[in-house]
Amino acid sequence: MSTPGAAPPWWIAIPLGCLAISLMVSIQTVQMTRTRTATIHRLQQDLQALQTLEAERGRLLQARERYQQKEGPGLTLPALLRSLQPEPTMQIDLRDASGLADGWFQRNYEVTYDAISIRDLPSVIQQIQTSAPPRKIKEIQILPTGNRTEVRCSLLIEAIEPAGQEPAS
């Protein structure tokens, strides 16, 4: 029995059902928004990482192009050393060489100066270490000579050089 002026029970069920459906849709929308926001954030991070890698790739390609265009006596270690000390006061010996990727070689040279000026030695060392392609002085031995302004010097130098450049001294 119903009381006069009261709504029938099915009129109450319809708004409650609509409210429940609206609440479920709202909860699902919030969950989907969180998931999609996390996905968008990950994609933005990936995009930023790719942009960083692309910038580094561009820098490396420019450096490679500059190196390939470089000409002159400083490309091989023996040629560089002869340009720094043209007098035949040194001996250059290739100790060993091993192949690296893309036609590059790692070569170890032993360079012996019978007599080199104490004033010239730091400049020679700096030129060796800062020239292209990369070189590293692995060992250095300095001994006195009879002259107060000169020393005997032995250097073990690791050089990374492209194939096609003769390592002969």
C-alpha atoms as a PDB file:
ATOM      1  CA  MET A   1       0.000   0.000   0.000  1.00  0.00           C
ATOM      2  CA  SER A   2       1.086   3.376  -0.719  1.00  0.00           C
ATOM      3  CA  THR A   3       0.575   6.491   1.212  1.00  0.00           C
ATOM      4  CA  PRO A   4      -1.190   9.337  -0.446  1.00  0.00           C
ATOM      5  CA  GLY A   5       1.255  11.738  -2.173  1.00  0.00           C
ATOM      6  CA  ALA A   6       4.212   9.313  -1.959  1.00  0.00           C
ATOM      7  CA  ALA A   7       6.111   8.395  -5.099  1.00  0.00           C
ATOM      8  CA  PRO A   8       5.894   4.841  -6.227  1.00  0.00           C
ATOM      9  CA  PRO A   9       9.041   2.775  -5.408  1.00  0.00           C
ATOM     10  CA  TRP A  10      10.087   2.386  -9.053  1.00  0.00           C
ATOM     11  CA  TRP A  11      10.403   6.200  -9.344  1.00  0.00           C
ATOM     12  CA  ILE A  12      13.011   6.080  -6.585  1.00  0.00           C
ATOM     13  CA  ALA A  13      14.912   3.214  -8.163  1.00  0.00           C
ATOM     14  CA  ILE A  14      15.464   5.028 -11.485  1.00  0.00           C
ATOM     15  CA  PRO A  15      17.293   8.088 -10.015  1.00  0.00           C
ATOM     16  CA  LEU A  16      19.307   5.824  -7.694  1.00  0.00           C
ATOM     17  CA  GLY A  17      20.260   3.628 -10.665  1.00  0.00           C
ATOM     18  CA  CYS A  18      21.288   6.686 -12.703  1.00  0.00           C
ATOM     19  CA  LEU A  19      23.321   7.944  -9.744  1.00  0.00           C
ATOM     20  CA  ALA A  20      25.083   4.580  -9.398  1.00  0.00           C
ATOM     21  CA  ILE A  21      25.851   4.441 -13.136  1.00  0.00           C
ATOM     22  CA  SER A  22      27.160   8.024 -13.064  1.00  0.00           C
ATOM     23  CA  LEU A  23      29.361   7.210 -10.082  1.00  0.00           C
ATOM     24  CA  MET A  24      30.833   4.115 -11.811  1.00  0.00           C
ATOM     25  CA  VAL A  25      31.501   6.056 -15.020  1.00  0.00           C
ATOM     26  CA  SER A  26      33.191   8.840 -13.000  1.00  0.00           C
ATOM     27  CA  ILE A  27      35.424   6.341 -11.172  1.00  0.00           C
ATOM     28  CA  GLN A  28      36.352   4.626 -14.453  1.00  0.00           C
ATOM     29  CA  THR A  29      37.130   8.025 -16.053  1.00  0.00           C
ATOM     30  CA  VAL A  30      39.434   8.980 -13.161  1.00  0.00           C
ATOM     31  CA  GLN A  31      41.276   5.642 -13.430  1.00  0.00           C
ATOM     32  CA  MET A  32      41.653   5.970 -17.214  1.00  0.00           C
ATOM     33  CA  THR A  33      42.875   9.564 -16.820  1.00  0.00           C
ATOM     34  CA  ARG A  34      45.573   8.472 -14.331  1.00  0.00           C
ATOM     35  CA  THR A  35      46.691   5.634 -16.623  1.00  0.00           C
ATOM     36  CA  ARG A  36      46.787   7.854 -19.695  1.00  0.00           C
ATOM     37  CA  THR A  37      48.575  10.638 -17.799  1.00  0.00           C
ATOM     38  CA  ALA A  38      51.276   8.156 -16.733  1.00  0.00           C
ATOM     39  CA  THR A  39      51.574   6.916 -20.321  1.00  0.00           C
ATOM     40  CA  ILE A  40      51.874  10.466 -21.650  1.00  0.00           C
ATOM     41  CA  HIS A  41      54.536  11.238 -19.015  1.00  0.00           C
ATOM     42  CA  ARG A  42      56.552   8.142 -20.042  1.00  0.00           C
ATOM     43  CA  LEU A  43      56.250   9.100 -23.710  1.00  0.00           C
ATOM     44  CA  GLN A  44      57.464  12.634 -22.931  1.00  0.00           C
ATOM     45  CA  GLN A  45      60.494  11.196 -21.112  1.00  0.00           C
ATOM     46  CA  ASP A  46      61.214   8.878 -24.040  1.00  0.00           C
ATOM     47  CA  LEU A  47      60.912  11.772 -26.473  1.00  0.00           C
ATOM     48  CA  GLN A  48      63.291  13.869 -24.397  1.00  0.00           C
ATOM     49  CA  ALA A  49      65.801  10.983 -24.281  1.00  0.00           C
ATOM     50  CA  LEU A  50      65.541  10.570 -28.066  1.00  0.00           C
ATOM     51  CA  GLN A  51      66.081  14.305 -28.599  1.00  0.00           C
ATOM     52  CA  THR A  52      69.184  14.167 -26.386  1.00  0.00           C
ATOM     53  CA  LEU A  53      70.516  11.175 -28.322  1.00  0.00           C
ATOM     54  CA  GLU A  54      69.801  12.881 -31.646  1.00  0.00           C
ATOM     55  CA  ALA A  55      71.692  15.988 -30.525  1.00  0.00           C
ATOM     56  CA  GLU A  56      74.666  13.833 -29.453  1.00  0.00           C
ATOM     57  CA  ARG A  57      74.544  11.945 -32.763  1.00  0.00           C
ATOM     58  CA  GLY A  58      74.607  15.241 -34.654  1.00  0.00           C
ATOM     59  CA  ARG A  59      77.591  16.428 -32.617  1.00  0.00           C
ATOM     60  CA  LEU A  60      79.469  13.189 -33.281  1.00  0.00           C
ATOM     61  CA  LEU A  61      78.698  13.302 -37.005  1.00  0.00           C
ATOM     62  CA  GLN A  62      80.002  16.881 -37.186  1.00  0.00           C
ATOM     63  CA  ALA A  63      83.174  15.881 -35.342  1.00  0.00           C
ATOM     64  CA  ARG A  64      83.659  12.937 -37.694  1.00  0.00           C
ATOM     65  CA  GLU A  65      83.178  15.178 -40.735  1.00  0.00           C
ATOM     66  CA  ARG A  66      85.661  17.739 -39.379  1.00  0.00           C
ATOM     67  CA  TYR A  67      88.211  14.994 -38.779  1.00  0.00           C
ATOM     68  CA  GLN A  68      87.757  13.503 -42.251  1.00  0.00           C
ATOM     69  CA  GLN A  69      88.276  16.932 -43.831  1.00  0.00           C
ATOM     70  CA  LYS A  70      91.445  17.584 -41.825  1.00  0.00           C
ATOM     71  CA  GLU A  71      94.630  17.252 -43.817  1.00  0.00           C
ATOM     72  CA  GLY A  72      98.228  17.794 -42.986  1.00  0.00           C
ATOM     73  CA  PRO A  73     101.214  16.221 -41.290  1.00  0.00           C
ATOM     74  CA  GLY A  74      99.565  15.826 -37.895  1.00  0.00           C
ATOM     75  CA  LEU A  75      97.425  12.822 -38.778  1.00  0.00           C
ATOM     76  CA  THR A  76      99.939  10.070 -38.040  1.00  0.00           C
ATOM     77  CA  LEU A  77     102.057  10.118 -34.933  1.00  0.00           C
ATOM     78  CA  PRO A  78     105.396   9.863 -36.778  1.00  0.00           C
ATOM     79  CA  ALA A  79     104.438  12.787 -39.044  1.00  0.00           C
ATOM     80  CA  LEU A  80     103.302  14.851 -36.058  1.00  0.00           C
ATOM     81  CA  LEU A  81     106.558  14.189 -34.180  1.00  0.00           C
ATOM     82  CA  ARG A  82     108.665  15.095 -37.203  1.00  0.00           C
ATOM     83  CA  SER A  83     106.770  18.373 -37.556  1.00  0.00           C
ATOM     84  CA  LEU A  84     107.459  19.198 -33.884  1.00  0.00           C
ATOM     85  CA  GLN A  85     111.126  18.185 -33.893  1.00  0.00           C
ATOM     86  CA  PRO A  86     112.412  18.132 -37.483  1.00  0.00           C
ATOM     87  CA  GLU A  87     115.955  17.258 -36.441  1.00  0.00           C
ATOM     88  CA  PRO A  88     116.702  13.526 -36.552  1.00  0.00           C
ATOM     89  CA  THR A  89     117.258  13.295 -32.794  1.00  0.00           C
ATOM     90  CA  MET A  90     114.481  10.788 -32.214  1.00  0.00           C
ATOM     91  CA  GLN A  91     113.716   7.210 -33.020  1.00  0.00           C
ATOM     92  CA  ILE A  92     110.117   6.037 -33.535  1.00  0.00           C
ATOM     93  CA  ASP A  93     109.355   2.340 -33.195  1.00  0.00           C
ATOM     94  CA  LEU A  94     105.962   0.727 -33.666  1.00  0.00           C
ATOM     95  CA  ARG A  95     105.638  -1.752 -30.798  1.00  0.00           C
ATOM     96  CA  ASP A  96     102.264  -3.288 -31.687  1.00  0.00           C
ATOM     97  CA  ALA A  97      99.009  -2.618 -33.471  1.00  0.00           C
ATOM     98  CA  SER A  98      95.529  -4.061 -33.179  1.00  0.00           C
ATOM     99  CA  GLY A  99      92.437  -3.520 -35.268  1.00  0.00           C
ATOM    100  CA  LEU A 100      89.438  -1.680 -33.892  1.00  0.00           C
ATOM    101  CA  ALA A 101      85.985  -1.128 -35.378  1.00  0.00           C
ATOM    102  CA  ASP A 102      85.291   0.682 -38.662  1.00  0.00           C
ATOM    103  CA  GLY A 103      88.826   0.608 -40.035  1.00  0.00           C
ATOM    104  CA  TRP A 104      90.635   2.125 -37.048  1.00  0.00           C
ATOM    105  CA  PHE A 105      93.760   0.795 -35.369  1.00  0.00           C
ATOM    106  CA  GLN A 106      95.235   1.104 -31.909  1.00  0.00           C
ATOM    107  CA  ARG A 107      98.978   1.449 -32.260  1.00  0.00           C
ATOM    108  CA  ASN A 108     101.586   1.641 -29.525  1.00  0.00           C
ATOM    109  CA  TYR A 109     104.752   3.563 -30.376  1.00  0.00           C
ATOM    110  CA  GLU A 110     107.973   3.925 -28.475  1.00  0.00           C
ATOM    111  CA  VAL A 111     109.556   7.284 -29.165  1.00  0.00           C
ATOM    112  CA  THR A 112     113.092   7.931 -27.967  1.00  0.00           C
ATOM    113  CA  TYR A 113     114.725  11.348 -28.034  1.00  0.00           C
ATOM    114  CA  ASP A 114     118.495  11.104 -27.649  1.00  0.00           C
ATOM    115  CA  ALA A 115     118.599  14.780 -26.755  1.00  0.00           C
ATOM    116  CA  ILE A 116     115.663  17.160 -26.417  1.00  0.00           C
ATOM    117  CA  SER A 117     115.607  20.597 -24.862  1.00  0.00           C
ATOM    118  CA  ILE A 118     114.070  20.723 -21.411  1.00  0.00           C
ATOM    119  CA  ARG A 119     112.100  23.762 -22.575  1.00  0.00           C
ATOM    120  CA  ASP A 120     110.710  21.978 -25.669  1.00  0.00           C
ATOM    121  CA  LEU A 121     109.651  18.760 -23.930  1.00  0.00           C
ATOM    122  CA  PRO A 122     106.424  20.071 -22.266  1.00  0.00           C
ATOM    123  CA  SER A 123     105.262  21.538 -25.580  1.00  0.00           C
ATOM    124  CA  VAL A 124     105.918  18.269 -27.416  1.00  0.00           C
ATOM    125  CA  ILE A 125     104.005  16.312 -24.756  1.00  0.00           C
ATOM    126  CA  GLN A 126     101.071  18.723 -24.938  1.00  0.00           C
ATOM    127  CA  GLN A 127     100.954  18.536 -28.756  1.00  0.00           C
ATOM    128  CA  ILE A 128     100.933  14.733 -28.637  1.00  0.00           C
ATOM    129  CA  GLN A 129      98.070  14.591 -26.160  1.00  0.00           C
ATOM    130  CA  THR A 130      95.880  17.274 -27.750  1.00  0.00           C
ATOM    131  CA  SER A 131      96.250  16.353 -31.405  1.00  0.00           C
ATOM    132  CA  ALA A 132      93.680  14.436 -33.422  1.00  0.00           C
ATOM    133  CA  PRO A 133      93.163  11.527 -33.688  1.00  0.00           C
ATOM    134  CA  PRO A 134      93.403  10.682 -29.961  1.00  0.00           C
ATOM    135  CA  ARG A 135      96.758   9.844 -28.420  1.00  0.00           C
ATOM    136  CA  LYS A 136      97.760   9.048 -24.874  1.00  0.00           C
ATOM    137  CA  ILE A 137     101.190   8.955 -23.289  1.00  0.00           C
ATOM    138  CA  LYS A 138     101.245   5.738 -21.283  1.00  0.00           C
ATOM    139  CA  GLU A 139     104.815   5.955 -19.976  1.00  0.00           C
ATOM    140  CA  ILE A 140     107.510   8.580 -19.860  1.00  0.00           C
ATOM    141  CA  GLN A 141     111.118   8.201 -18.818  1.00  0.00           C
ATOM    142  CA  ILE A 142     113.450  11.191 -18.584  1.00  0.00           C
ATOM    143  CA  LEU A 143     117.188  10.770 -18.072  1.00  0.00           C
ATOM    144  CA  PRO A 144     119.939  13.398 -17.837  1.00  0.00           C
ATOM    145  CA  THR A 145     122.505  13.940 -20.569  1.00  0.00           C
ATOM    146  CA  GLY A 146     125.881  15.634 -20.403  1.00  0.00           C
ATOM    147  CA  ASN A 147     124.235  18.923 -21.398  1.00  0.00           C
ATOM    148  CA  ARG A 148     122.362  20.816 -18.640  1.00  0.00           C
ATOM    149  CA  THR A 149     119.660  22.084 -21.036  1.00  0.00           C
ATOM    150  CA  GLU A 150     118.878  18.733 -22.679  1.00  0.00           C
ATOM    151  CA  VAL A 151     117.531  15.376 -21.525  1.00  0.00           C
ATOM    152  CA  ARG A 152     117.159  11.912 -22.970  1.00  0.00           C
ATOM    153  CA  CYS A 153     113.466  11.029 -23.109  1.00  0.00           C
ATOM    154  CA  SER A 154     111.579   7.851 -23.877  1.00  0.00           C
ATOM    155  CA  LEU A 155     107.794   7.912 -24.433  1.00  0.00           C
ATOM    156  CA  LEU A 156     105.359   5.037 -24.831  1.00  0.00           C
ATOM    157  CA  ILE A 157     102.421   6.452 -26.781  1.00  0.00           C
ATOM    158  CA  GLU A 158      99.082   4.845 -27.551  1.00  0.00           C
ATOM    159  CA  ALA A 159      97.530   6.204 -30.747  1.00  0.00           C
ATOM    160  CA  ILE A 160      94.154   5.584 -32.366  1.00  0.00           C
ATOM    161  CA  GLU A 161      94.636   5.968 -36.120  1.00  0.00           C
ATOM    162  CA  PRO A 162      92.520   5.220 -39.176  1.00  0.00           C
ATOM    163  CA  ALA A 163      93.433   2.400 -41.533  1.00  0.00           C
ATOM    164  CA  GLY A 164      95.294   3.492 -44.610  1.00  0.00           C
ATOM    165  CA  GLN A 165      97.729   5.658 -42.709  1.00  0.00           C
ATOM    166  CA  GLU A 166     101.113   4.084 -42.702  1.00  0.00           C
ATOM    167  CA  PRO A 167     102.505   3.566 -39.211  1.00  0.00           C
ATOM    168  CA  ALA A 168     106.060   3.332 -40.503  1.00  0.00           C
ATOM    169  CA  SER A 169     108.496   5.674 -38.805  1.00  0.00           C
END
